[in-house]
N, C-alpha and C. Protein backbone atom coordinates (compact mmCIF):
# COMPACT_ATOMS: atom_id res chain seq x y z
N MET A 1 -6.03 -14.48 -17.21
CA MET A 1 -5.56 -13.72 -16.12
C MET A 1 -5.00 -12.40 -16.45
N ILE A 2 -5.46 -11.39 -15.79
CA ILE A 2 -4.98 -10.11 -16.04
C ILE A 2 -3.80 -9.79 -14.88
N SER A 3 -2.60 -9.79 -15.45
CA SER A 3 -1.55 -9.66 -14.45
C SER A 3 -0.94 -8.32 -14.28
N SER A 4 -1.39 -7.38 -15.25
CA SER A 4 -0.90 -5.93 -15.06
C SER A 4 -1.80 -5.07 -15.99
N LEU A 5 -1.88 -3.81 -15.58
CA LEU A 5 -2.54 -2.81 -16.31
C LEU A 5 -1.77 -1.60 -16.42
N ARG A 6 -1.86 -0.91 -17.54
CA ARG A 6 -1.18 0.37 -17.64
C ARG A 6 -2.04 1.35 -18.47
N GLY A 7 -2.58 2.37 -17.91
CA GLY A 7 -3.33 3.31 -18.60
C GLY A 7 -3.69 4.54 -17.95
N THR A 8 -4.67 5.23 -18.40
CA THR A 8 -5.01 6.57 -17.65
C THR A 8 -6.05 6.43 -16.71
N VAL A 9 -5.80 7.08 -15.72
CA VAL A 9 -6.79 7.13 -14.49
C VAL A 9 -7.95 7.92 -14.77
N LEU A 10 -9.21 7.25 -14.63
CA LEU A 10 -10.42 7.93 -14.98
C LEU A 10 -11.16 8.40 -13.59
N SER A 11 -10.79 7.69 -12.50
CA SER A 11 -11.35 8.08 -11.24
C SER A 11 -10.56 7.45 -10.12
N ALA A 12 -10.42 7.90 -8.93
CA ALA A 12 -9.78 7.40 -7.83
C ALA A 12 -10.41 7.75 -6.56
N VAL A 13 -11.36 6.82 -6.04
CA VAL A 13 -12.22 7.08 -4.86
C VAL A 13 -12.16 6.02 -3.80
N GLY A 14 -11.88 6.27 -2.73
CA GLY A 14 -11.77 5.39 -1.49
C GLY A 14 -10.80 4.27 -1.79
N THR A 15 -11.14 3.03 -2.03
CA THR A 15 -10.11 2.01 -2.34
C THR A 15 -10.34 1.37 -3.74
N THR A 16 -10.86 2.32 -4.71
CA THR A 16 -11.24 1.83 -6.07
C THR A 16 -10.70 2.93 -6.97
N VAL A 17 -9.85 2.45 -8.05
CA VAL A 17 -9.44 3.28 -9.20
C VAL A 17 -10.01 2.71 -10.44
N VAL A 18 -10.25 3.43 -11.33
CA VAL A 18 -10.64 3.02 -12.69
C VAL A 18 -9.52 3.44 -13.73
N VAL A 19 -9.04 2.58 -14.32
CA VAL A 19 -8.01 2.80 -15.26
C VAL A 19 -8.49 2.30 -16.71
N GLU A 20 -8.31 3.29 -17.56
CA GLU A 20 -8.74 3.18 -18.95
C GLU A 20 -7.62 2.66 -19.72
N VAL A 21 -7.90 1.42 -20.36
CA VAL A 21 -6.87 0.74 -21.15
C VAL A 21 -7.45 0.29 -22.44
N GLY A 22 -6.95 0.92 -23.60
CA GLY A 22 -7.52 0.72 -25.01
C GLY A 22 -9.05 1.00 -25.05
N GLY A 23 -9.53 1.93 -24.30
CA GLY A 23 -10.89 2.40 -24.36
C GLY A 23 -11.73 1.68 -23.55
N VAL A 24 -11.14 0.68 -22.66
CA VAL A 24 -12.04 -0.01 -21.71
C VAL A 24 -11.51 0.49 -20.24
N GLY A 25 -12.52 0.83 -19.42
CA GLY A 25 -12.23 1.14 -18.05
C GLY A 25 -12.31 -0.10 -17.17
N PHE A 26 -11.16 -0.33 -16.42
CA PHE A 26 -11.09 -1.34 -15.41
C PHE A 26 -11.24 -0.81 -14.09
N SER A 27 -12.11 -1.40 -13.33
CA SER A 27 -12.31 -0.94 -11.98
C SER A 27 -11.42 -2.01 -11.11
N VAL A 28 -10.52 -1.36 -10.31
CA VAL A 28 -9.49 -2.15 -9.63
C VAL A 28 -9.44 -1.74 -8.14
N ALA A 29 -9.57 -2.76 -7.23
CA ALA A 29 -9.50 -2.51 -5.84
C ALA A 29 -7.96 -2.28 -5.48
N VAL A 30 -7.84 -1.16 -4.69
CA VAL A 30 -6.40 -0.90 -4.33
C VAL A 30 -6.38 -0.41 -2.86
N THR A 31 -5.29 -0.11 -2.26
CA THR A 31 -5.05 0.35 -1.01
C THR A 31 -5.51 1.85 -0.83
N PRO A 32 -6.00 2.34 0.23
CA PRO A 32 -6.27 3.66 0.33
C PRO A 32 -5.09 4.63 -0.06
N ALA A 33 -3.95 4.29 0.41
CA ALA A 33 -2.86 5.12 0.06
C ALA A 33 -2.58 5.23 -1.36
N LEU A 34 -2.74 4.10 -2.08
CA LEU A 34 -2.53 4.16 -3.50
C LEU A 34 -3.60 4.96 -4.20
N ALA A 35 -4.91 4.94 -3.80
CA ALA A 35 -5.94 5.72 -4.40
C ALA A 35 -5.65 7.16 -4.08
N LEU A 36 -5.31 7.55 -2.80
CA LEU A 36 -4.93 8.91 -2.50
C LEU A 36 -3.80 9.51 -3.14
N GLY A 37 -2.81 8.62 -3.58
CA GLY A 37 -1.72 9.19 -4.25
C GLY A 37 -1.82 9.22 -5.81
N THR A 38 -3.02 8.85 -6.35
CA THR A 38 -3.30 8.84 -7.69
C THR A 38 -4.26 9.94 -8.17
N ARG A 39 -3.98 10.62 -9.20
CA ARG A 39 -4.79 11.75 -9.69
C ARG A 39 -5.42 11.41 -11.01
N VAL A 40 -6.68 11.89 -11.31
CA VAL A 40 -7.26 11.65 -12.56
C VAL A 40 -6.47 12.19 -13.78
N GLY A 41 -6.32 11.53 -14.74
CA GLY A 41 -5.52 11.90 -15.92
C GLY A 41 -4.13 11.39 -15.86
N ASP A 42 -3.56 10.87 -14.65
CA ASP A 42 -2.30 10.38 -14.57
C ASP A 42 -2.20 8.95 -15.23
N GLU A 43 -1.00 8.62 -15.89
CA GLU A 43 -0.79 7.26 -16.30
C GLU A 43 -0.44 6.39 -15.18
N LEU A 44 -1.16 5.30 -14.97
CA LEU A 44 -0.87 4.38 -13.68
C LEU A 44 -0.65 2.99 -14.29
N ARG A 45 0.46 2.35 -13.77
CA ARG A 45 0.69 0.98 -13.99
C ARG A 45 0.58 0.25 -12.72
N LEU A 46 -0.25 -0.93 -12.76
CA LEU A 46 -0.50 -1.75 -11.61
C LEU A 46 -0.20 -3.12 -11.81
N HIS A 47 0.32 -3.88 -10.87
CA HIS A 47 0.39 -5.25 -10.83
C HIS A 47 -0.91 -5.81 -10.35
N THR A 48 -1.48 -6.75 -11.06
CA THR A 48 -3.01 -6.99 -10.67
C THR A 48 -3.13 -8.62 -10.57
N THR A 49 -4.15 -8.93 -9.97
CA THR A 49 -4.63 -10.33 -10.01
C THR A 49 -6.19 -10.31 -9.92
N LEU A 50 -6.66 -11.20 -10.76
CA LEU A 50 -8.10 -11.38 -11.01
C LEU A 50 -8.74 -12.51 -10.02
N ILE A 51 -9.50 -12.06 -9.10
CA ILE A 51 -10.25 -13.02 -8.18
C ILE A 51 -11.59 -13.36 -8.60
N VAL A 52 -11.68 -14.63 -8.91
CA VAL A 52 -13.06 -15.10 -9.46
C VAL A 52 -13.75 -15.80 -8.37
N ARG A 53 -15.05 -15.34 -8.22
CA ARG A 53 -15.87 -15.91 -7.23
C ARG A 53 -17.22 -16.42 -7.89
N GLU A 54 -18.09 -17.17 -7.35
CA GLU A 54 -19.21 -17.55 -7.89
C GLU A 54 -20.14 -16.49 -8.36
N ASP A 55 -20.18 -15.35 -7.56
CA ASP A 55 -21.05 -14.27 -7.85
C ASP A 55 -20.28 -13.03 -8.39
N ALA A 56 -19.06 -13.07 -8.50
CA ALA A 56 -18.35 -11.88 -9.05
C ALA A 56 -16.90 -12.12 -9.37
N MET A 57 -16.35 -11.20 -10.25
CA MET A 57 -14.96 -11.22 -10.58
C MET A 57 -14.39 -9.95 -10.12
N SER A 58 -13.32 -9.81 -9.36
CA SER A 58 -12.81 -8.64 -8.79
C SER A 58 -11.37 -8.52 -9.14
N LEU A 59 -10.98 -7.31 -9.69
CA LEU A 59 -9.57 -7.06 -9.84
C LEU A 59 -8.87 -6.31 -8.78
N PHE A 60 -7.79 -6.92 -8.38
CA PHE A 60 -7.05 -6.11 -7.31
C PHE A 60 -5.69 -5.73 -7.73
N GLY A 61 -5.40 -4.50 -7.52
CA GLY A 61 -4.11 -3.89 -8.10
C GLY A 61 -3.06 -3.35 -7.00
N PHE A 62 -1.76 -3.36 -7.41
CA PHE A 62 -0.76 -2.87 -6.42
C PHE A 62 0.40 -2.19 -7.15
N ALA A 63 0.89 -1.27 -6.52
CA ALA A 63 1.96 -0.52 -7.11
C ALA A 63 3.29 -1.22 -7.40
N THR A 64 3.52 -2.40 -6.42
CA THR A 64 4.84 -3.16 -6.73
C THR A 64 4.50 -4.58 -6.80
N GLN A 65 5.36 -5.34 -7.39
CA GLN A 65 5.27 -6.76 -7.43
C GLN A 65 5.28 -7.44 -6.20
N GLU A 66 6.08 -6.89 -5.34
CA GLU A 66 6.26 -7.39 -3.96
C GLU A 66 4.98 -7.28 -3.11
N GLU A 67 4.16 -6.25 -3.24
CA GLU A 67 2.87 -6.15 -2.62
C GLU A 67 1.90 -7.21 -3.20
N LEU A 68 1.87 -7.48 -4.48
CA LEU A 68 1.23 -8.39 -5.10
C LEU A 68 1.41 -9.87 -4.56
N ASP A 69 2.75 -10.07 -4.58
CA ASP A 69 3.19 -11.36 -4.04
C ASP A 69 2.75 -11.67 -2.63
N VAL A 70 2.75 -10.63 -1.70
CA VAL A 70 2.33 -10.85 -0.35
C VAL A 70 0.90 -11.10 -0.31
N PHE A 71 0.23 -10.26 -1.10
CA PHE A 71 -1.32 -10.31 -1.23
C PHE A 71 -1.74 -11.75 -1.59
N GLU A 72 -1.07 -12.35 -2.55
CA GLU A 72 -1.38 -13.78 -2.94
C GLU A 72 -1.07 -14.84 -1.88
N LEU A 73 0.00 -14.46 -0.97
CA LEU A 73 0.27 -15.48 0.00
C LEU A 73 -0.68 -15.27 1.08
N LEU A 74 -1.23 -14.11 1.26
CA LEU A 74 -2.21 -13.84 2.42
C LEU A 74 -3.47 -14.53 2.04
N ILE A 75 -3.93 -14.50 0.83
CA ILE A 75 -5.33 -15.01 0.51
C ILE A 75 -5.15 -16.54 0.50
N ALA A 76 -4.04 -17.12 0.60
CA ALA A 76 -3.90 -18.59 0.60
C ALA A 76 -4.18 -19.13 2.08
N VAL A 77 -4.11 -18.12 2.99
CA VAL A 77 -4.23 -18.49 4.31
C VAL A 77 -5.71 -18.74 4.75
N THR A 78 -6.06 -19.77 5.29
CA THR A 78 -7.39 -20.10 5.65
C THR A 78 -8.07 -18.92 6.56
N GLY A 79 -9.15 -18.36 6.14
CA GLY A 79 -9.78 -17.33 6.85
C GLY A 79 -9.38 -15.96 6.35
N VAL A 80 -8.57 -15.76 5.40
CA VAL A 80 -8.05 -14.58 4.89
C VAL A 80 -8.60 -14.31 3.44
N GLY A 81 -9.66 -13.53 3.23
CA GLY A 81 -10.24 -13.23 1.90
C GLY A 81 -9.48 -12.08 1.27
N PRO A 82 -9.67 -11.97 0.04
CA PRO A 82 -9.15 -10.82 -0.73
C PRO A 82 -9.31 -9.36 -0.04
N LYS A 83 -10.49 -8.99 0.57
CA LYS A 83 -10.54 -7.82 1.22
C LYS A 83 -9.72 -7.60 2.41
N SER A 84 -9.64 -8.68 3.20
CA SER A 84 -8.78 -8.77 4.36
C SER A 84 -7.40 -8.63 4.23
N ALA A 85 -6.97 -9.41 2.99
CA ALA A 85 -5.59 -9.26 2.52
C ALA A 85 -5.21 -7.77 2.06
N LEU A 86 -6.23 -7.20 1.39
CA LEU A 86 -5.93 -5.83 0.98
C LEU A 86 -5.85 -4.92 2.27
N GLY A 87 -6.55 -5.23 3.22
CA GLY A 87 -6.61 -4.50 4.49
C GLY A 87 -5.28 -4.58 5.14
N VAL A 88 -4.72 -5.71 5.21
CA VAL A 88 -3.37 -5.97 5.73
C VAL A 88 -2.39 -5.04 5.03
N LEU A 89 -2.52 -4.95 3.67
CA LEU A 89 -1.47 -4.21 2.94
C LEU A 89 -1.87 -2.68 2.93
N SER A 90 -3.04 -2.38 3.58
CA SER A 90 -3.37 -0.99 3.71
C SER A 90 -2.64 -0.50 5.07
N VAL A 91 -2.43 -1.43 5.98
CA VAL A 91 -1.83 -1.07 7.28
C VAL A 91 -0.35 -1.36 7.23
N LEU A 92 0.10 -2.41 6.62
CA LEU A 92 1.46 -2.94 6.80
C LEU A 92 2.10 -3.06 5.33
N SER A 93 3.36 -2.59 5.35
CA SER A 93 4.06 -2.78 4.06
C SER A 93 4.51 -4.27 3.94
N PRO A 94 4.86 -4.70 2.61
CA PRO A 94 5.56 -6.12 2.55
C PRO A 94 6.63 -6.36 3.48
N SER A 95 7.52 -5.41 3.76
CA SER A 95 8.55 -5.56 4.75
C SER A 95 8.01 -5.77 6.28
N ASP A 96 6.99 -4.90 6.53
CA ASP A 96 6.20 -5.08 7.84
C ASP A 96 5.65 -6.40 7.98
N VAL A 97 5.08 -6.98 6.89
CA VAL A 97 4.45 -8.29 7.02
C VAL A 97 5.58 -9.22 7.30
N ALA A 98 6.61 -9.28 6.53
CA ALA A 98 7.78 -10.10 6.54
C ALA A 98 8.31 -10.20 7.98
N ARG A 99 8.45 -8.98 8.48
CA ARG A 99 9.06 -8.78 9.89
C ARG A 99 8.10 -9.38 10.93
N ALA A 100 6.78 -9.05 10.84
CA ALA A 100 5.92 -9.70 11.77
C ALA A 100 5.89 -11.14 11.75
N VAL A 101 6.03 -11.71 10.54
CA VAL A 101 6.02 -13.20 10.46
C VAL A 101 7.26 -13.70 10.99
N SER A 102 8.37 -13.25 10.59
CA SER A 102 9.64 -13.80 11.10
C SER A 102 9.87 -13.64 12.53
N THR A 103 9.11 -12.69 13.15
CA THR A 103 9.28 -12.61 14.77
C THR A 103 8.05 -13.17 15.42
N ASP A 104 7.16 -13.70 14.55
CA ASP A 104 5.86 -14.34 15.21
C ASP A 104 5.06 -13.27 15.96
N ASP A 105 4.93 -12.15 15.32
CA ASP A 105 4.34 -10.97 15.97
C ASP A 105 2.92 -10.93 15.48
N ASP A 106 1.97 -11.69 15.97
CA ASP A 106 0.64 -11.77 15.40
C ASP A 106 -0.19 -10.52 15.74
N ALA A 107 0.26 -9.75 16.82
CA ALA A 107 -0.41 -8.49 17.13
C ALA A 107 -0.44 -7.50 16.06
N ALA A 108 0.65 -7.51 15.14
CA ALA A 108 0.68 -6.69 14.04
C ALA A 108 -0.51 -6.75 13.08
N PHE A 109 -0.97 -8.12 12.85
CA PHE A 109 -2.16 -8.34 12.07
C PHE A 109 -3.35 -8.13 12.76
N ARG A 110 -3.53 -8.24 14.12
CA ARG A 110 -4.76 -7.91 14.84
C ARG A 110 -5.10 -6.40 14.61
N LYS A 111 -4.22 -5.56 14.23
CA LYS A 111 -4.52 -4.18 13.95
C LYS A 111 -5.39 -4.05 12.78
N VAL A 112 -5.53 -4.98 11.98
CA VAL A 112 -6.26 -4.95 10.75
C VAL A 112 -7.69 -5.22 11.01
N SER A 113 -8.59 -4.32 10.48
CA SER A 113 -10.07 -4.57 10.73
C SER A 113 -10.46 -5.91 10.08
N GLY A 114 -11.17 -6.75 10.93
CA GLY A 114 -11.68 -7.99 10.30
C GLY A 114 -10.83 -9.15 10.58
N ILE A 115 -9.76 -8.94 11.16
CA ILE A 115 -8.71 -10.03 11.35
C ILE A 115 -8.65 -10.16 13.07
N GLY A 116 -9.23 -11.37 13.33
CA GLY A 116 -9.15 -11.62 14.86
C GLY A 116 -7.80 -12.38 15.19
N PRO A 117 -7.73 -12.65 16.53
CA PRO A 117 -6.58 -13.29 17.13
C PRO A 117 -6.18 -14.60 16.49
N LYS A 118 -7.20 -15.36 16.30
CA LYS A 118 -6.91 -16.74 15.68
C LYS A 118 -6.42 -16.61 14.21
N THR A 119 -7.11 -15.71 13.44
CA THR A 119 -6.54 -15.63 12.08
C THR A 119 -5.30 -14.85 12.00
N ALA A 120 -5.03 -14.04 12.89
CA ALA A 120 -3.65 -13.31 12.89
C ALA A 120 -2.65 -14.38 13.30
N LYS A 121 -2.92 -15.17 14.18
CA LYS A 121 -1.92 -16.34 14.55
C LYS A 121 -1.63 -17.23 13.36
N LEU A 122 -2.79 -17.58 12.76
CA LEU A 122 -2.53 -18.45 11.56
C LEU A 122 -1.80 -17.76 10.46
N ILE A 123 -1.86 -16.53 10.26
CA ILE A 123 -1.04 -15.85 9.24
C ILE A 123 0.44 -16.00 9.49
N THR A 124 0.87 -15.90 10.81
CA THR A 124 2.21 -15.98 11.09
C THR A 124 2.76 -17.44 10.98
N LEU A 125 1.95 -18.37 11.22
CA LEU A 125 2.38 -19.65 11.19
C LEU A 125 2.39 -20.16 9.71
N SER A 126 1.30 -19.76 9.02
CA SER A 126 1.22 -20.20 7.66
C SER A 126 2.27 -19.61 6.65
N LEU A 127 2.67 -18.30 6.86
CA LEU A 127 3.63 -17.53 6.12
C LEU A 127 5.13 -17.75 6.62
N ALA A 128 5.26 -18.47 7.78
CA ALA A 128 6.69 -18.64 8.27
C ALA A 128 7.54 -19.28 7.19
N GLY A 129 8.63 -18.77 6.80
CA GLY A 129 9.68 -19.26 5.93
C GLY A 129 9.32 -18.84 4.50
N LYS A 130 8.11 -18.10 4.23
CA LYS A 130 7.69 -17.86 2.85
C LYS A 130 8.06 -16.47 2.39
N ILE A 131 8.32 -15.50 3.47
CA ILE A 131 8.68 -14.17 3.20
C ILE A 131 9.92 -13.77 3.68
N ILE A 132 10.72 -13.12 2.94
CA ILE A 132 12.07 -12.63 3.47
C ILE A 132 12.03 -11.13 3.77
N VAL A 133 12.52 -10.75 4.88
CA VAL A 133 12.57 -9.27 5.35
C VAL A 133 13.53 -8.64 4.37
N THR A 134 12.90 -7.50 3.96
CA THR A 134 13.89 -6.54 3.22
C THR A 134 14.13 -5.30 4.16
N GLU A 135 15.26 -5.23 4.56
CA GLU A 135 15.62 -4.11 5.46
C GLU A 135 15.88 -2.81 4.66
N PRO A 136 15.28 -1.67 5.18
CA PRO A 136 15.40 -0.38 4.52
C PRO A 136 16.84 0.07 4.45
N THR A 137 17.23 0.84 3.40
CA THR A 137 18.55 1.25 3.28
C THR A 137 18.44 2.76 3.42
N ALA A 138 19.33 3.53 4.11
CA ALA A 138 19.29 4.96 4.09
C ALA A 138 19.63 5.63 2.88
N GLN A 139 18.87 6.69 2.64
CA GLN A 139 19.18 7.43 1.40
C GLN A 139 18.64 8.95 1.54
N HIS A 140 19.39 9.80 1.07
CA HIS A 140 19.11 11.16 1.24
C HIS A 140 17.94 11.63 0.42
N PRO A 141 17.19 12.56 0.97
CA PRO A 141 15.91 12.96 0.10
C PRO A 141 16.29 13.37 -1.36
N ALA A 142 17.42 14.02 -1.40
CA ALA A 142 17.74 14.53 -2.71
C ALA A 142 17.86 13.43 -3.73
N ALA A 143 17.94 12.23 -3.35
CA ALA A 143 18.14 11.14 -4.35
C ALA A 143 16.71 10.67 -4.84
N VAL A 144 15.73 11.23 -4.21
CA VAL A 144 14.44 10.75 -4.57
C VAL A 144 13.82 11.57 -5.66
N ALA A 145 13.13 10.98 -6.61
CA ALA A 145 12.50 11.77 -7.79
C ALA A 145 11.55 12.89 -7.16
N THR A 146 11.81 14.15 -7.58
CA THR A 146 10.96 15.18 -7.13
C THR A 146 9.45 14.95 -7.35
N SER A 147 9.13 14.29 -8.43
CA SER A 147 7.68 14.16 -8.75
C SER A 147 7.02 13.20 -7.64
N VAL A 148 7.78 12.30 -7.09
CA VAL A 148 7.20 11.36 -6.13
C VAL A 148 6.99 12.08 -4.80
N THR A 149 8.01 12.85 -4.33
CA THR A 149 7.87 13.52 -3.09
C THR A 149 6.98 14.63 -3.07
N ASP A 150 6.72 15.18 -4.31
CA ASP A 150 5.76 16.38 -4.43
C ASP A 150 4.29 15.75 -4.41
N SER A 151 4.17 14.56 -5.07
CA SER A 151 2.84 13.92 -4.94
C SER A 151 2.40 13.59 -3.62
N VAL A 152 3.48 13.04 -2.87
CA VAL A 152 3.19 12.75 -1.41
C VAL A 152 2.87 13.93 -0.58
N LEU A 153 3.64 14.85 -0.76
CA LEU A 153 3.33 16.22 -0.04
C LEU A 153 1.97 16.67 -0.30
N ALA A 154 1.57 16.71 -1.64
CA ALA A 154 0.30 17.19 -1.91
C ALA A 154 -0.88 16.41 -1.50
N ALA A 155 -0.68 15.06 -1.32
CA ALA A 155 -1.68 14.25 -0.74
C ALA A 155 -1.81 14.47 0.74
N LEU A 156 -0.69 14.65 1.43
CA LEU A 156 -0.74 14.83 2.85
C LEU A 156 -1.38 16.29 3.30
N VAL A 157 -1.14 17.20 2.40
CA VAL A 157 -1.79 18.61 2.52
C VAL A 157 -3.37 18.48 2.21
N GLY A 158 -3.58 17.61 1.31
CA GLY A 158 -4.99 17.39 0.97
C GLY A 158 -5.80 16.73 2.06
N LEU A 159 -5.08 15.83 2.84
CA LEU A 159 -5.67 15.15 3.97
C LEU A 159 -5.75 16.00 5.26
N GLY A 160 -5.18 17.17 5.19
CA GLY A 160 -5.49 18.24 6.25
C GLY A 160 -4.23 18.59 7.05
N TRP A 161 -3.01 17.91 6.75
CA TRP A 161 -1.79 18.44 7.48
C TRP A 161 -1.30 19.77 6.88
N SER A 162 -0.77 20.61 7.66
CA SER A 162 -0.09 21.85 7.30
C SER A 162 1.07 21.48 6.43
N GLU A 163 1.41 22.38 5.46
CA GLU A 163 2.59 22.14 4.49
C GLU A 163 3.84 21.89 5.28
N ARG A 164 4.04 22.68 6.21
CA ARG A 164 5.32 22.57 7.06
C ARG A 164 5.44 21.15 7.68
N VAL A 165 4.39 20.60 8.38
CA VAL A 165 4.36 19.51 9.05
C VAL A 165 4.49 18.32 7.97
N ALA A 166 3.79 18.45 6.84
CA ALA A 166 3.81 17.41 5.86
C ALA A 166 5.11 17.32 5.22
N ALA A 167 5.82 18.53 4.89
CA ALA A 167 7.12 18.54 4.35
C ALA A 167 8.10 17.79 5.16
N GLN A 168 8.02 18.14 6.55
CA GLN A 168 9.05 17.56 7.50
C GLN A 168 8.89 15.98 7.58
N ALA A 169 7.53 15.61 7.49
CA ALA A 169 7.35 14.10 7.50
C ALA A 169 7.85 13.55 6.25
N VAL A 170 7.72 14.01 5.05
CA VAL A 170 8.21 13.45 3.88
C VAL A 170 9.78 13.37 3.86
N ASP A 171 10.43 14.50 4.30
CA ASP A 171 11.77 14.57 4.35
C ASP A 171 12.36 13.39 5.28
N GLU A 172 11.75 13.29 6.52
CA GLU A 172 12.27 12.45 7.43
C GLU A 172 12.04 10.86 7.02
N THR A 173 10.89 10.69 6.27
CA THR A 173 10.45 9.41 5.81
C THR A 173 11.30 9.01 4.66
N VAL A 174 11.77 9.72 3.72
CA VAL A 174 12.58 9.24 2.63
C VAL A 174 13.96 8.97 2.94
N VAL A 175 14.49 9.48 4.10
CA VAL A 175 15.77 9.14 4.58
C VAL A 175 15.97 7.70 5.02
N VAL A 176 14.85 7.14 5.51
CA VAL A 176 14.88 5.64 6.03
C VAL A 176 14.15 4.76 5.04
N ALA A 177 13.68 5.30 3.84
CA ALA A 177 12.89 4.28 2.98
C ALA A 177 13.92 3.61 2.06
N SER A 178 13.49 2.33 1.63
CA SER A 178 14.34 1.65 0.74
C SER A 178 14.07 2.12 -0.67
N ASP A 179 15.02 1.67 -1.70
CA ASP A 179 14.83 2.09 -3.05
C ASP A 179 13.52 1.90 -3.64
N ALA A 180 12.96 0.74 -3.39
CA ALA A 180 11.51 0.37 -3.85
C ALA A 180 10.58 1.35 -3.36
N GLU A 181 10.68 1.60 -2.08
CA GLU A 181 9.59 2.43 -1.46
C GLU A 181 9.68 3.87 -2.02
N LEU A 182 11.00 4.35 -2.30
CA LEU A 182 11.12 5.72 -2.72
C LEU A 182 10.60 5.88 -4.11
N SER A 183 10.49 4.81 -4.88
CA SER A 183 9.93 4.97 -6.20
C SER A 183 8.42 4.94 -6.41
N SER A 184 7.70 4.64 -5.35
CA SER A 184 6.10 4.50 -5.29
C SER A 184 5.57 5.54 -4.45
N VAL A 185 4.72 6.40 -5.09
CA VAL A 185 3.95 7.33 -4.34
C VAL A 185 3.12 6.80 -3.29
N PRO A 186 2.23 5.60 -3.66
CA PRO A 186 1.29 5.27 -2.63
C PRO A 186 2.16 4.52 -1.47
N VAL A 187 3.34 3.95 -1.68
CA VAL A 187 4.00 3.28 -0.64
C VAL A 187 4.56 4.31 0.23
N LEU A 188 5.28 5.44 -0.31
CA LEU A 188 5.94 6.50 0.36
C LEU A 188 4.90 7.27 1.17
N LEU A 189 3.71 7.46 0.61
CA LEU A 189 2.67 8.05 1.34
C LEU A 189 2.21 7.33 2.50
N ARG A 190 2.16 5.99 2.45
CA ARG A 190 1.70 5.22 3.57
C ARG A 190 2.78 5.26 4.70
N LEU A 191 4.06 5.40 4.35
CA LEU A 191 5.14 5.49 5.21
C LEU A 191 5.07 6.89 5.90
N ALA A 192 4.81 7.94 5.19
CA ALA A 192 4.73 9.18 5.74
C ALA A 192 3.63 9.33 6.75
N LEU A 193 2.49 8.64 6.45
CA LEU A 193 1.23 8.70 7.32
C LEU A 193 1.55 7.78 8.56
N ALA A 194 2.30 6.86 8.62
CA ALA A 194 2.72 6.08 9.68
C ALA A 194 3.66 6.89 10.43
N HIS A 195 4.57 7.67 9.96
CA HIS A 195 5.52 8.44 10.59
C HIS A 195 4.76 9.64 11.29
N LEU A 196 3.62 10.25 10.62
CA LEU A 196 2.99 11.27 11.27
C LEU A 196 2.28 10.84 12.59
N GLY A 197 1.61 9.70 12.39
CA GLY A 197 0.92 9.16 13.54
C GLY A 197 -0.22 9.92 14.08
N PRO A 198 -1.02 9.45 15.00
CA PRO A 198 -2.12 10.08 15.69
C PRO A 198 -1.61 11.34 16.45
N ALA A 199 -0.49 11.19 17.04
CA ALA A 199 0.05 12.26 17.92
C ALA A 199 0.32 13.52 17.24
N GLN A 200 0.56 13.50 15.79
CA GLN A 200 0.96 14.52 15.01
C GLN A 200 -0.14 15.42 14.51
N LYS A 201 -1.44 14.90 14.82
CA LYS A 201 -2.58 15.61 14.29
C LYS A 201 -2.76 16.98 14.74
N THR A 202 -2.20 17.22 15.75
CA THR A 202 -2.22 18.71 16.27
C THR A 202 -1.49 19.55 15.37
N GLY A 203 -0.72 19.06 14.49
CA GLY A 203 0.08 19.86 13.39
C GLY A 203 -0.71 20.20 12.23
N ARG A 204 -1.90 19.83 12.23
CA ARG A 204 -2.71 20.13 11.00
C ARG A 204 -3.09 21.57 11.04
N SER A 205 -3.27 22.17 9.89
CA SER A 205 -3.74 23.55 9.81
C SER A 205 -5.17 23.60 9.96
């Protein structure tokens, strides 16, 4: 079992990053936010799990252990495969998943491509009592590592938002982010994108 990887990023495209460890390049399936927040040449550490099927072996990687734990709970649900579970974590943070399960909000999972009403309901029923909600704690932007916020800002600008709009979104996002969320570029980027929302697209340059 490959439980973690730490190495140099060789490529990051779509939902796949290639990490070189000891001269070997590992192709890892990740969330779009993680891939967007990763740059070639960066050192990257991922929490991973190897999924073995009859026709393939696939490696899935996450920025935090919490994301990996939720991923493994999701794939244990009937009808939820690794790609669908990754899709859930591309749309919802572990805290979002826990909150949806605790409130029996299956609508949150129906937003994910490939997950229908029956599977969404099954997720809330199957994971009930298995995930604890982690409430975010307020923190001033100054307490966040500059490298993290700079990377998120650069990713947003690269996606088409103006620097002014992107900077405002980052500042407002870090104020309500938890300590774990503040330490991860992919997680903070996902939160910033959610904060911007479709209505903010007019602020693009």
